[in-house]
Amino acid sequence: MGISPIQIGIILLIVVLIFGTKKLKNIGGDLGEAVRGFKKGIKDEDTPDTLEEKPDVTVEKVTKKTKTKNSEKS
């Protein structure tokens, strides 16, 4: 009582006739881009966790002033 391969073929033929091959190609491409974007988003979410574990480092600029003696001869 399952779907036979002939029934699947008839359904695919009807879908191709309704939408056309160009439209189906565009839908497949859009679906592929969405899956790649989703995978990239999941991958990018994992990397900030490792960056948050590193301690924050602050750099302070320290200047040293020295006094010099000017000996003037008169």
PDB file of N, CA and C in Angstrom:
ATOM      1  N   MET A   1       0.813  -1.192   0.000  1.00  0.00           N
ATOM      2  CA  MET A   1       0.000   0.000   0.000  1.00  0.00           C
ATOM      3  C   MET A   1       0.861   1.261   0.000  1.00  0.00           C
ATOM      4  N   GLY A   2       2.144   1.132  -0.263  1.00  0.00           N
ATOM      5  CA  GLY A   2       3.013   2.292  -0.329  1.00  0.00           C
ATOM      6  C   GLY A   2       2.970   2.924  -1.710  1.00  0.00           C
ATOM      7  N   ILE A   3       3.800   3.910  -1.891  1.00  0.00           N
ATOM      8  CA  ILE A   3       3.878   4.599  -3.179  1.00  0.00           C
ATOM      9  C   ILE A   3       4.861   3.835  -4.058  1.00  0.00           C
ATOM     10  N   SER A   4       4.400   3.479  -5.243  1.00  0.00           N
ATOM     11  CA  SER A   4       5.257   2.725  -6.160  1.00  0.00           C
ATOM     12  C   SER A   4       6.127   3.694  -6.962  1.00  0.00           C
ATOM     13  N   PRO A   5       7.209   3.217  -7.558  1.00  0.00           N
ATOM     14  CA  PRO A   5       8.067   4.075  -8.382  1.00  0.00           C
ATOM     15  C   PRO A   5       7.324   4.701  -9.567  1.00  0.00           C
ATOM     16  N   ILE A   6       6.336   4.025 -10.091  1.00  0.00           N
ATOM     17  CA  ILE A   6       5.563   4.588 -11.208  1.00  0.00           C
ATOM     18  C   ILE A   6       4.769   5.801 -10.726  1.00  0.00           C
ATOM     19  N   GLN A   7       4.190   5.735  -9.546  1.00  0.00           N
ATOM     20  CA  GLN A   7       3.430   6.857  -9.007  1.00  0.00           C
ATOM     21  C   GLN A   7       4.345   8.053  -8.725  1.00  0.00           C
ATOM     22  N   ILE A   8       5.541   7.793  -8.229  1.00  0.00           N
ATOM     23  CA  ILE A   8       6.507   8.875  -7.985  1.00  0.00           C
ATOM     24  C   ILE A   8       6.891   9.529  -9.307  1.00  0.00           C
ATOM     25  N   GLY A   9       7.108   8.735 -10.339  1.00  0.00           N
ATOM     26  CA  GLY A   9       7.436   9.271 -11.662  1.00  0.00           C
ATOM     27  C   GLY A   9       6.324  10.133 -12.219  1.00  0.00           C
ATOM     28  N   ILE A  10       5.079   9.713 -12.053  1.00  0.00           N
ATOM     29  CA  ILE A  10       3.939  10.500 -12.538  1.00  0.00           C
ATOM     30  C   ILE A  10       3.848  11.823 -11.784  1.00  0.00           C
ATOM     31  N   ILE A  11       4.071  11.799 -10.474  1.00  0.00           N
ATOM     32  CA  ILE A  11       4.037  13.029  -9.671  1.00  0.00           C
ATOM     33  C   ILE A  11       5.145  13.978 -10.112  1.00  0.00           C
ATOM     34  N   LEU A  12       6.355  13.461 -10.335  1.00  0.00           N
ATOM     35  CA  LEU A  12       7.465  14.304 -10.797  1.00  0.00           C
ATOM     36  C   LEU A  12       7.176  14.895 -12.164  1.00  0.00           C
ATOM     37  N   LEU A  13       6.571  14.128 -13.059  1.00  0.00           N
ATOM     38  CA  LEU A  13       6.222  14.619 -14.393  1.00  0.00           C
ATOM     39  C   LEU A  13       5.208  15.751 -14.302  1.00  0.00           C
ATOM     40  N   ILE A  14       4.223  15.611 -13.442  1.00  0.00           N
ATOM     41  CA  ILE A  14       3.218  16.665 -13.268  1.00  0.00           C
ATOM     42  C   ILE A  14       3.866  17.921 -12.694  1.00  0.00           C
ATOM     43  N   VAL A  15       4.770  17.776 -11.735  1.00  0.00           N
ATOM     44  CA  VAL A  15       5.460  18.929 -11.139  1.00  0.00           C
ATOM     45  C   VAL A  15       6.290  19.648 -12.192  1.00  0.00           C
ATOM     46  N   VAL A  16       6.998  18.908 -13.041  1.00  0.00           N
ATOM     47  CA  VAL A  16       7.811  19.511 -14.100  1.00  0.00           C
ATOM     48  C   VAL A  16       6.918  20.234 -15.097  1.00  0.00           C
ATOM     49  N   LEU A  17       5.780  19.664 -15.432  1.00  0.00           N
ATOM     50  CA  LEU A  17       4.863  20.317 -16.370  1.00  0.00           C
ATOM     51  C   LEU A  17       4.277  21.598 -15.786  1.00  0.00           C
ATOM     52  N   ILE A  18       4.004  21.603 -14.496  1.00  0.00           N
ATOM     53  CA  ILE A  18       3.412  22.790 -13.866  1.00  0.00           C
ATOM     54  C   ILE A  18       4.443  23.901 -13.704  1.00  0.00           C
ATOM     55  N   PHE A  19       5.591  23.586 -13.146  1.00  0.00           N
ATOM     56  CA  PHE A  19       6.578  24.616 -12.821  1.00  0.00           C
ATOM     57  C   PHE A  19       7.597  24.852 -13.919  1.00  0.00           C
ATOM     58  N   GLY A  20       7.911  23.875 -14.707  1.00  0.00           N
ATOM     59  CA  GLY A  20       8.952  24.006 -15.722  1.00  0.00           C
ATOM     60  C   GLY A  20      10.316  23.723 -15.120  1.00  0.00           C
ATOM     61  N   THR A  21      11.252  23.353 -15.986  1.00  0.00           N
ATOM     62  CA  THR A  21      12.577  22.967 -15.498  1.00  0.00           C
ATOM     63  C   THR A  21      13.366  24.161 -14.983  1.00  0.00           C
ATOM     64  N   LYS A  22      13.192  25.335 -15.603  1.00  0.00           N
ATOM     65  CA  LYS A  22      13.946  26.513 -15.171  1.00  0.00           C
ATOM     66  C   LYS A  22      13.530  26.930 -13.756  1.00  0.00           C
ATOM     67  N   LYS A  23      12.251  26.918 -13.505  1.00  0.00           N
ATOM     68  CA  LYS A  23      11.758  27.295 -12.181  1.00  0.00           C
ATOM     69  C   LYS A  23      12.231  26.296 -11.121  1.00  0.00           C
ATOM     70  N   LEU A  24      12.215  25.008 -11.458  1.00  0.00           N
ATOM     71  CA  LEU A  24      12.682  23.990 -10.511  1.00  0.00           C
ATOM     72  C   LEU A  24      14.172  24.139 -10.236  1.00  0.00           C
ATOM     73  N   LYS A  25      14.939  24.521 -11.277  1.00  0.00           N
ATOM     74  CA  LYS A  25      16.380  24.734 -11.090  1.00  0.00           C
ATOM     75  C   LYS A  25      16.615  25.902 -10.133  1.00  0.00           C
ATOM     76  N   ASN A  26      15.844  26.978 -10.305  1.00  0.00           N
ATOM     77  CA  ASN A  26      15.982  28.139  -9.417  1.00  0.00           C
ATOM     78  C   ASN A  26      15.606  27.785  -7.979  1.00  0.00           C
ATOM     79  N   ILE A  27      14.548  27.005  -7.830  1.00  0.00           N
ATOM     80  CA  ILE A  27      14.125  26.601  -6.482  1.00  0.00           C
ATOM     81  C   ILE A  27      15.204  25.743  -5.827  1.00  0.00           C
ATOM     82  N   GLY A  28      15.785  24.823  -6.594  1.00  0.00           N
ATOM     83  CA  GLY A  28      16.856  23.973  -6.059  1.00  0.00           C
ATOM     84  C   GLY A  28      18.081  24.779  -5.667  1.00  0.00           C
ATOM     85  N   GLY A  29      18.439  25.774  -6.503  1.00  0.00           N
ATOM     86  CA  GLY A  29      19.588  26.626  -6.186  1.00  0.00           C
ATOM     87  C   GLY A  29      19.352  27.450  -4.934  1.00  0.00           C
ATOM     88  N   ASP A  30      18.138  28.001  -4.809  1.00  0.00           N
ATOM     89  CA  ASP A  30      17.808  28.787  -3.621  1.00  0.00           C
ATOM     90  C   ASP A  30      17.818  27.930  -2.361  1.00  0.00           C
ATOM     91  N   LEU A  31      17.321  26.716  -2.499  1.00  0.00           N
ATOM     92  CA  LEU A  31      17.316  25.804  -1.357  1.00  0.00           C
ATOM     93  C   LEU A  31      18.744  25.444  -0.942  1.00  0.00           C
ATOM     94  N   GLY A  32      19.620  25.226  -1.928  1.00  0.00           N
ATOM     95  CA  GLY A  32      21.021  24.921  -1.630  1.00  0.00           C
ATOM     96  C   GLY A  32      21.722  26.074  -0.935  1.00  0.00           C
ATOM     97  N   GLU A  33      21.466  27.314  -1.400  1.00  0.00           N
ATOM     98  CA  GLU A  33      22.064  28.489  -0.766  1.00  0.00           C
ATOM     99  C   GLU A  33      21.566  28.645   0.669  1.00  0.00           C
ATOM    100  N   ALA A  34      20.295  28.352   0.890  1.00  0.00           N
ATOM    101  CA  ALA A  34      19.743  28.463   2.241  1.00  0.00           C
ATOM    102  C   ALA A  34      20.402  27.462   3.184  1.00  0.00           C
ATOM    103  N   VAL A  35      20.621  26.244   2.695  1.00  0.00           N
ATOM    104  CA  VAL A  35      21.259  25.221   3.529  1.00  0.00           C
ATOM    105  C   VAL A  35      22.698  25.613   3.835  1.00  0.00           C
ATOM    106  N   ARG A  36      23.425  26.126   2.821  1.00  0.00           N
ATOM    107  CA  ARG A  36      24.813  26.559   3.048  1.00  0.00           C
ATOM    108  C   ARG A  36      24.866  27.717   4.036  1.00  0.00           C
ATOM    109  N   GLY A  37      23.941  28.667   3.897  1.00  0.00           N
ATOM    110  CA  GLY A  37      23.892  29.793   4.829  1.00  0.00           C
ATOM    111  C   GLY A  37      23.603  29.347   6.248  1.00  0.00           C
ATOM    112  N   PHE A  38      22.714  28.371   6.378  1.00  0.00           N
ATOM    113  CA  PHE A  38      22.391  27.839   7.704  1.00  0.00           C
ATOM    114  C   PHE A  38      23.600  27.161   8.326  1.00  0.00           C
ATOM    115  N   LYS A  39      24.302  26.354   7.536  1.00  0.00           N
ATOM    116  CA  LYS A  39      25.494  25.668   8.051  1.00  0.00           C
ATOM    117  C   LYS A  39      26.571  26.668   8.448  1.00  0.00           C
ATOM    118  N   LYS A  40      26.732  27.724   7.639  1.00  0.00           N
ATOM    119  CA  LYS A  40      27.732  28.746   7.948  1.00  0.00           C
ATOM    120  C   LYS A  40      27.358  29.483   9.236  1.00  0.00           C
ATOM    121  N   GLY A  41      26.070  29.758   9.409  1.00  0.00           N
ATOM    122  CA  GLY A  41      25.611  30.420  10.626  1.00  0.00           C
ATOM    123  C   GLY A  41      25.856  29.579  11.860  1.00  0.00           C
ATOM    124  N   ILE A  42      25.635  28.290  11.751  1.00  0.00           N
ATOM    125  CA  ILE A  42      25.889  27.390  12.875  1.00  0.00           C
ATOM    126  C   ILE A  42      27.383  27.343  13.175  1.00  0.00           C
ATOM    127  N   LYS A  43      28.199  27.314  12.133  1.00  0.00           N
ATOM    128  CA  LYS A  43      29.648  27.261  12.312  1.00  0.00           C
ATOM    129  C   LYS A  43      30.159  28.559  12.941  1.00  0.00           C
ATOM    130  N   ASP A  44      29.614  29.709  12.507  1.00  0.00           N
ATOM    131  CA  ASP A  44      30.036  30.994  13.051  1.00  0.00           C
ATOM    132  C   ASP A  44      29.610  31.155  14.508  1.00  0.00           C
ATOM    133  N   GLU A  45      28.502  30.536  14.895  1.00  0.00           N
ATOM    134  CA  GLU A  45      28.071  30.612  16.287  1.00  0.00           C
ATOM    135  C   GLU A  45      29.038  29.900  17.210  1.00  0.00           C
ATOM    136  N   ASP A  46      29.669  28.851  16.733  1.00  0.00           N
ATOM    137  CA  ASP A  46      30.582  28.077  17.570  1.00  0.00           C
ATOM    138  C   ASP A  46      31.888  28.819  17.831  1.00  0.00           C
ATOM    139  N   THR A  47      32.367  29.608  16.895  1.00  0.00           N
ATOM    140  CA  THR A  47      33.664  30.257  17.061  1.00  0.00           C
ATOM    141  C   THR A  47      33.669  31.372  18.104  1.00  0.00           C
ATOM    142  N   PRO A  48      32.626  32.201  18.274  1.00  0.00           N
ATOM    143  CA  PRO A  48      32.712  33.227  19.320  1.00  0.00           C
ATOM    144  C   PRO A  48      32.814  32.656  20.724  1.00  0.00           C
ATOM    145  N   ASP A  49      32.306  31.454  20.963  1.00  0.00           N
ATOM    146  CA  ASP A  49      32.421  30.850  22.288  1.00  0.00           C
ATOM    147  C   ASP A  49      33.879  30.657  22.681  1.00  0.00           C
ATOM    148  N   THR A  50      34.704  30.258  21.741  1.00  0.00           N
ATOM    149  CA  THR A  50      36.112  30.053  22.054  1.00  0.00           C
ATOM    150  C   THR A  50      36.819  31.386  22.250  1.00  0.00           C
ATOM    151  N   LEU A  51      36.358  32.419  21.564  1.00  0.00           N
ATOM    152  CA  LEU A  51      36.982  33.725  21.724  1.00  0.00           C
ATOM    153  C   LEU A  51      36.618  34.348  23.070  1.00  0.00           C
ATOM    154  N   GLU A  52      35.432  34.064  23.588  1.00  0.00           N
ATOM    155  CA  GLU A  52      35.018  34.643  24.855  1.00  0.00           C
ATOM    156  C   GLU A  52      35.804  34.080  26.028  1.00  0.00           C
ATOM    157  N   GLU A  53      36.390  32.922  25.876  1.00  0.00           N
ATOM    158  CA  GLU A  53      37.143  32.311  26.959  1.00  0.00           C
ATOM    159  C   GLU A  53      38.473  33.011  27.205  1.00  0.00           C
ATOM    160  N   LYS A  54      38.989  33.711  26.221  1.00  0.00           N
ATOM    161  CA  LYS A  54      40.262  34.399  26.382  1.00  0.00           C
ATOM    162  C   LYS A  54      40.063  35.639  27.248  1.00  0.00           C
ATOM    163  N   PRO A  55      40.998  35.921  28.146  1.00  0.00           N
ATOM    164  CA  PRO A  55      40.856  37.104  28.997  1.00  0.00           C
ATOM    165  C   PRO A  55      41.077  38.380  28.188  1.00  0.00           C
ATOM    166  N   ASP A  56      40.411  39.440  28.649  1.00  0.00           N
ATOM    167  CA  ASP A  56      40.586  40.734  28.003  1.00  0.00           C
ATOM    168  C   ASP A  56      41.922  41.333  28.416  1.00  0.00           C
ATOM    169  N   VAL A  57      42.600  41.903  27.475  1.00  0.00           N
ATOM    170  CA  VAL A  57      43.893  42.515  27.730  1.00  0.00           C
ATOM    171  C   VAL A  57      43.769  43.997  27.412  1.00  0.00           C
ATOM    172  N   THR A  58      44.179  44.836  28.363  1.00  0.00           N
ATOM    173  CA  THR A  58      44.175  46.267  28.119  1.00  0.00           C
ATOM    174  C   THR A  58      45.609  46.767  28.121  1.00  0.00           C
ATOM    175  N   VAL A  59      45.844  47.706  27.276  1.00  0.00           N
ATOM    176  CA  VAL A  59      47.185  48.264  27.153  1.00  0.00           C
ATOM    177  C   VAL A  59      47.124  49.717  27.595  1.00  0.00           C
ATOM    178  N   GLU A  60      48.007  50.072  28.505  1.00  0.00           N
ATOM    179  CA  GLU A  60      48.088  51.448  28.968  1.00  0.00           C
ATOM    180  C   GLU A  60      49.395  52.054  28.485  1.00  0.00           C
ATOM    181  N   LYS A  61      49.303  53.266  28.005  1.00  0.00           N
ATOM    182  CA  LYS A  61      50.497  53.953  27.537  1.00  0.00           C
ATOM    183  C   LYS A  61      51.087  54.728  28.714  1.00  0.00           C
ATOM    184  N   VAL A  62      52.322  54.427  29.015  1.00  0.00           N
ATOM    185  CA  VAL A  62      53.001  55.069  30.134  1.00  0.00           C
ATOM    186  C   VAL A  62      54.141  55.904  29.567  1.00  0.00           C
ATOM    187  N   THR A  63      54.164  57.152  29.969  1.00  0.00           N
ATOM    188  CA  THR A  63      55.263  58.018  29.531  1.00  0.00           C
ATOM    189  C   THR A  63      56.083  58.403  30.752  1.00  0.00           C
ATOM    190  N   LYS A  64      57.357  58.520  30.537  1.00  0.00           N
ATOM    191  CA  LYS A  64      58.256  58.863  31.625  1.00  0.00           C
ATOM    192  C   LYS A  64      58.861  60.223  31.313  1.00  0.00           C
ATOM    193  N   LYS A  65      58.702  61.135  32.248  1.00  0.00           N
ATOM    194  CA  LYS A  65      59.268  62.466  32.076  1.00  0.00           C
ATOM    195  C   LYS A  65      60.534  62.554  32.913  1.00  0.00           C
ATOM    196  N   THR A  66      61.576  63.042  32.315  1.00  0.00           N
ATOM    197  CA  THR A  66      62.832  63.213  33.043  1.00  0.00           C
ATOM    198  C   THR A  66      63.198  64.685  33.050  1.00  0.00           C
ATOM    199  N   LYS A  67      63.762  65.087  34.141  1.00  0.00           N
ATOM    200  CA  LYS A  67      64.200  66.476  34.253  1.00  0.00           C
ATOM    201  C   LYS A  67      65.689  66.535  33.948  1.00  0.00           C
ATOM    202  N   THR A  68      66.063  67.480  33.171  1.00  0.00           N
ATOM    203  CA  THR A  68      67.480  67.658  32.859  1.00  0.00           C
ATOM    204  C   THR A  68      67.952  68.980  33.447  1.00  0.00           C
ATOM    205  N   LYS A  69      69.198  68.977  33.870  1.00  0.00           N
ATOM    206  CA  LYS A  69      69.785  70.203  34.405  1.00  0.00           C
ATOM    207  C   LYS A  69      70.522  70.907  33.276  1.00  0.00           C
ATOM    208  N   ASN A  70      70.171  72.114  33.085  1.00  0.00           N
ATOM    209  CA  ASN A  70      70.883  72.930  32.100  1.00  0.00           C
ATOM    210  C   ASN A  70      71.859  73.824  32.860  1.00  0.00           C
ATOM    211  N   SER A  71      73.101  73.613  32.644  1.00  0.00           N
ATOM    212  CA  SER A  71      74.083  74.452  33.321  1.00  0.00           C
ATOM    213  C   SER A  71      74.460  75.586  32.379  1.00  0.00           C
ATOM    214  N   GLU A  72      74.138  76.768  32.815  1.00  0.00           N
ATOM    215  CA  GLU A  72      74.464  77.933  32.001  1.00  0.00           C
ATOM    216  C   GLU A  72      75.654  78.648  32.641  1.00  0.00           C
ATOM    217  N   LYS A  73      76.611  78.966  31.831  1.00  0.00           N
ATOM    218  CA  LYS A  73      77.772  79.692  32.329  1.00  0.00           C
ATOM    219  C   LYS A  73      77.608  81.153  31.959  1.00  0.00           C
ATOM    220  N   SER A  74      77.809  82.013  32.928  1.00  0.00           N
ATOM    221  CA  SER A  74      77.719  83.426  32.652  1.00  0.00           C
ATOM    222  C   SER A  74      79.022  84.124  32.758  1.00  0.00           C
TER     223      SER A  74
END
